[in-house]
Amino acid sequence: MSATMPSRKIHHFKFEPMFNKLKQIKDLRSQANEMKNMLAQETVTGEAKGGKITIVMDGNQEIQSVNIDPELLSPDNKKNVEDGIREAVQSAVKEVQKIMVKKMQSGDISMPNFS
């Protein structure tokens, strides 16, 4: 009586596609850091209430400074100041977005290819 062993298929796992994806992730992180550093050099100012409230923001949308005219600082003006801060931040964010669009159009910032 002869015993036969079942045949086993040996699967060869290909590491190349996985390594290519890891390289793409590394490249993407590198591009993101370059973009972050480039945008950090940009600054915009958002204004509200006729320039009595100003927000300075960098290209990464981090607020660098807030300036409120002392004339507005009274309990009676609380809602007015809050609205002004919101408006100034929105204005600054829009300016940052405009800078990003210009940089993308000029090729300074490129979108990654995930194919």
C-alpha atoms as a PDB file:
ATOM      1  CA  MET A   1       0.000   0.000   0.000  1.00  0.00           C
ATOM      2  CA  SER A   2       1.501   3.270  -0.962  1.00  0.00           C
ATOM      3  CA  ALA A   3       0.621   6.483   0.722  1.00  0.00           C
ATOM      4  CA  THR A   4       0.610   9.523  -1.463  1.00  0.00           C
ATOM      5  CA  MET A   5       1.097  12.919  -0.084  1.00  0.00           C
ATOM      6  CA  PRO A   6      -1.231  15.597  -1.357  1.00  0.00           C
ATOM      7  CA  SER A   7       0.514  17.997  -3.638  1.00  0.00           C
ATOM      8  CA  ARG A   8       0.992  21.481  -2.284  1.00  0.00           C
ATOM      9  CA  LYS A   9       1.051  24.490  -4.436  1.00  0.00           C
ATOM     10  CA  ILE A  10       3.704  26.999  -3.624  1.00  0.00           C
ATOM     11  CA  HIS A  11       2.488  30.559  -4.007  1.00  0.00           C
ATOM     12  CA  HIS A  12       5.046  33.143  -4.895  1.00  0.00           C
ATOM     13  CA  PHE A  13       4.131  36.447  -3.357  1.00  0.00           C
ATOM     14  CA  LYS A  14       5.327  39.414  -5.331  1.00  0.00           C
ATOM     15  CA  PHE A  15       6.653  42.179  -3.140  1.00  0.00           C
ATOM     16  CA  GLU A  16       7.251  44.678  -5.944  1.00  0.00           C
ATOM     17  CA  PRO A  17       3.701  46.136  -6.020  1.00  0.00           C
ATOM     18  CA  MET A  18       3.762  46.555  -2.253  1.00  0.00           C
ATOM     19  CA  PHE A  19       7.155  48.276  -2.321  1.00  0.00           C
ATOM     20  CA  ASN A  20       5.956  50.563  -5.117  1.00  0.00           C
ATOM     21  CA  LYS A  21       2.965  51.619  -2.973  1.00  0.00           C
ATOM     22  CA  LEU A  22       5.259  52.248   0.001  1.00  0.00           C
ATOM     23  CA  LYS A  23       7.499  54.394  -2.200  1.00  0.00           C
ATOM     24  CA  GLN A  24       4.439  56.322  -3.420  1.00  0.00           C
ATOM     25  CA  ILE A  25       3.402  56.959   0.186  1.00  0.00           C
ATOM     26  CA  LYS A  26       6.914  58.149   1.045  1.00  0.00           C
ATOM     27  CA  ASP A  27       6.950  60.435  -2.018  1.00  0.00           C
ATOM     28  CA  LEU A  28       3.509  61.779  -1.106  1.00  0.00           C
ATOM     29  CA  ARG A  29       4.672  62.605   2.425  1.00  0.00           C
ATOM     30  CA  SER A  30       7.723  64.340   1.005  1.00  0.00           C
ATOM     31  CA  GLN A  31       5.548  66.402  -1.368  1.00  0.00           C
ATOM     32  CA  ALA A  32       3.178  67.283   1.485  1.00  0.00           C
ATOM     33  CA  ASN A  33       6.078  68.502   3.634  1.00  0.00           C
ATOM     34  CA  GLU A  34       7.473  70.566   0.757  1.00  0.00           C
ATOM     35  CA  MET A  35       4.054  72.101   0.173  1.00  0.00           C
ATOM     36  CA  LYS A  36       3.603  72.830   3.881  1.00  0.00           C
ATOM     37  CA  ASN A  37       7.005  74.534   4.058  1.00  0.00           C
ATOM     38  CA  MET A  38       6.291  76.559   0.915  1.00  0.00           C
ATOM     39  CA  LEU A  39       2.885  77.680   2.184  1.00  0.00           C
ATOM     40  CA  ALA A  40       4.301  78.587   5.596  1.00  0.00           C
ATOM     41  CA  GLN A  41       6.277  81.336   3.826  1.00  0.00           C
ATOM     42  CA  GLU A  42       3.064  82.962   2.567  1.00  0.00           C
ATOM     43  CA  THR A  43       1.078  85.352   4.738  1.00  0.00           C
ATOM     44  CA  VAL A  44      -2.296  86.938   4.172  1.00  0.00           C
ATOM     45  CA  THR A  45      -4.343  89.479   6.088  1.00  0.00           C
ATOM     46  CA  GLY A  46      -8.078  89.226   6.553  1.00  0.00           C
ATOM     47  CA  GLU A  47      -9.922  92.374   7.582  1.00  0.00           C
ATOM     48  CA  ALA A  48     -13.365  93.213   8.901  1.00  0.00           C
ATOM     49  CA  LYS A  49     -15.248  96.172  10.317  1.00  0.00           C
ATOM     50  CA  GLY A  50     -13.462  98.628   8.078  1.00  0.00           C
ATOM     51  CA  GLY A  51     -10.003  97.333   9.030  1.00  0.00           C
ATOM     52  CA  LYS A  52     -10.645  97.608  12.760  1.00  0.00           C
ATOM     53  CA  ILE A  53     -10.229  93.843  13.071  1.00  0.00           C
ATOM     54  CA  THR A  54      -7.335  92.133  11.280  1.00  0.00           C
ATOM     55  CA  ILE A  55      -6.182  88.542  11.193  1.00  0.00           C
ATOM     56  CA  VAL A  56      -2.760  87.566   9.827  1.00  0.00           C
ATOM     57  CA  MET A  57      -2.622  83.956   8.673  1.00  0.00           C
ATOM     58  CA  ASP A  58       0.088  81.885   7.019  1.00  0.00           C
ATOM     59  CA  GLY A  59      -0.449  79.710   3.964  1.00  0.00           C
ATOM     60  CA  ASN A  60      -1.131  76.690   6.161  1.00  0.00           C
ATOM     61  CA  GLN A  61      -4.115  78.574   7.594  1.00  0.00           C
ATOM     62  CA  GLU A  62      -2.470  79.039  10.968  1.00  0.00           C
ATOM     63  CA  ILE A  63      -3.385  82.343  12.571  1.00  0.00           C
ATOM     64  CA  GLN A  64      -0.256  84.366  13.283  1.00  0.00           C
ATOM     65  CA  SER A  65      -1.882  87.394  14.873  1.00  0.00           C
ATOM     66  CA  VAL A  66      -5.205  89.021  15.713  1.00  0.00           C
ATOM     67  CA  ASN A  67      -5.571  92.763  16.060  1.00  0.00           C
ATOM     68  CA  ILE A  68      -8.722  94.452  17.369  1.00  0.00           C
ATOM     69  CA  ASP A  69      -9.007  98.223  17.481  1.00  0.00           C
ATOM     70  CA  PRO A  70      -9.398  99.196  21.165  1.00  0.00           C
ATOM     71  CA  GLU A  71     -12.365 101.326  20.155  1.00  0.00           C
ATOM     72  CA  LEU A  72     -14.320  98.099  19.597  1.00  0.00           C
ATOM     73  CA  LEU A  73     -13.432  96.580  22.972  1.00  0.00           C
ATOM     74  CA  SER A  74     -16.418  97.215  25.159  1.00  0.00           C
ATOM     75  CA  PRO A  75     -19.113  94.899  26.495  1.00  0.00           C
ATOM     76  CA  ASP A  76     -21.601  96.605  24.175  1.00  0.00           C
ATOM     77  CA  ASN A  77     -19.571  95.540  21.138  1.00  0.00           C
ATOM     78  CA  LYS A  78     -19.136  91.854  22.037  1.00  0.00           C
ATOM     79  CA  LYS A  79     -21.362  90.531  19.205  1.00  0.00           C
ATOM     80  CA  ASN A  80     -19.877  93.030  16.737  1.00  0.00           C
ATOM     81  CA  VAL A  81     -16.326  91.915  17.596  1.00  0.00           C
ATOM     82  CA  GLU A  82     -17.249  88.218  17.382  1.00  0.00           C
ATOM     83  CA  ASP A  83     -18.816  88.764  13.958  1.00  0.00           C
ATOM     84  CA  GLY A  84     -15.789  90.757  12.868  1.00  0.00           C
ATOM     85  CA  ILE A  85     -13.348  88.042  13.920  1.00  0.00           C
ATOM     86  CA  ARG A  86     -15.363  85.429  12.018  1.00  0.00           C
ATOM     87  CA  GLU A  87     -15.449  87.659   8.920  1.00  0.00           C
ATOM     88  CA  ALA A  88     -11.714  88.390   9.124  1.00  0.00           C
ATOM     89  CA  VAL A  89     -10.843  84.690   9.448  1.00  0.00           C
ATOM     90  CA  GLN A  90     -13.067  83.812   6.494  1.00  0.00           C
ATOM     91  CA  SER A  91     -11.435  86.575   4.465  1.00  0.00           C
ATOM     92  CA  ALA A  92      -7.936  85.301   5.303  1.00  0.00           C
ATOM     93  CA  VAL A  93      -8.883  81.687   4.457  1.00  0.00           C
ATOM     94  CA  LYS A  94     -10.183  82.820   1.053  1.00  0.00           C
ATOM     95  CA  GLU A  95      -6.888  84.618   0.404  1.00  0.00           C
ATOM     96  CA  VAL A  96      -4.917  81.468   1.292  1.00  0.00           C
ATOM     97  CA  GLN A  97      -7.108  79.455  -1.070  1.00  0.00           C
ATOM     98  CA  LYS A  98      -6.392  81.949  -3.864  1.00  0.00           C
ATOM     99  CA  ILE A  99      -2.643  81.554  -3.239  1.00  0.00           C
ATOM    100  CA  MET A 100      -2.947  77.762  -3.361  1.00  0.00           C
ATOM    101  CA  VAL A 101      -4.859  77.912  -6.676  1.00  0.00           C
ATOM    102  CA  LYS A 102      -2.207  80.228  -8.165  1.00  0.00           C
ATOM    103  CA  LYS A 103       0.583  77.903  -7.014  1.00  0.00           C
ATOM    104  CA  MET A 104      -1.204  74.884  -8.480  1.00  0.00           C
ATOM    105  CA  GLN A 105      -1.777  76.690 -11.782  1.00  0.00           C
ATOM    106  CA  SER A 106       1.865  77.758 -11.951  1.00  0.00           C
ATOM    107  CA  GLY A 107       3.072  74.236 -11.153  1.00  0.00           C
ATOM    108  CA  ASP A 108       4.631  75.173  -7.792  1.00  0.00           C
ATOM    109  CA  ILE A 109       2.224  72.714  -6.149  1.00  0.00           C
ATOM    110  CA  SER A 110       1.329  69.511  -7.956  1.00  0.00           C
ATOM    111  CA  MET A 111      -1.284  66.965  -7.096  1.00  0.00           C
ATOM    112  CA  PRO A 112       0.004  63.399  -6.651  1.00  0.00           C
ATOM    113  CA  ASN A 113      -0.773  60.686  -9.194  1.00  0.00           C
ATOM    114  CA  PHE A 114      -2.185  57.618  -7.454  1.00  0.00           C
ATOM    115  CA  SER A 115      -2.320  55.361 -10.508  1.00  0.00           C
END
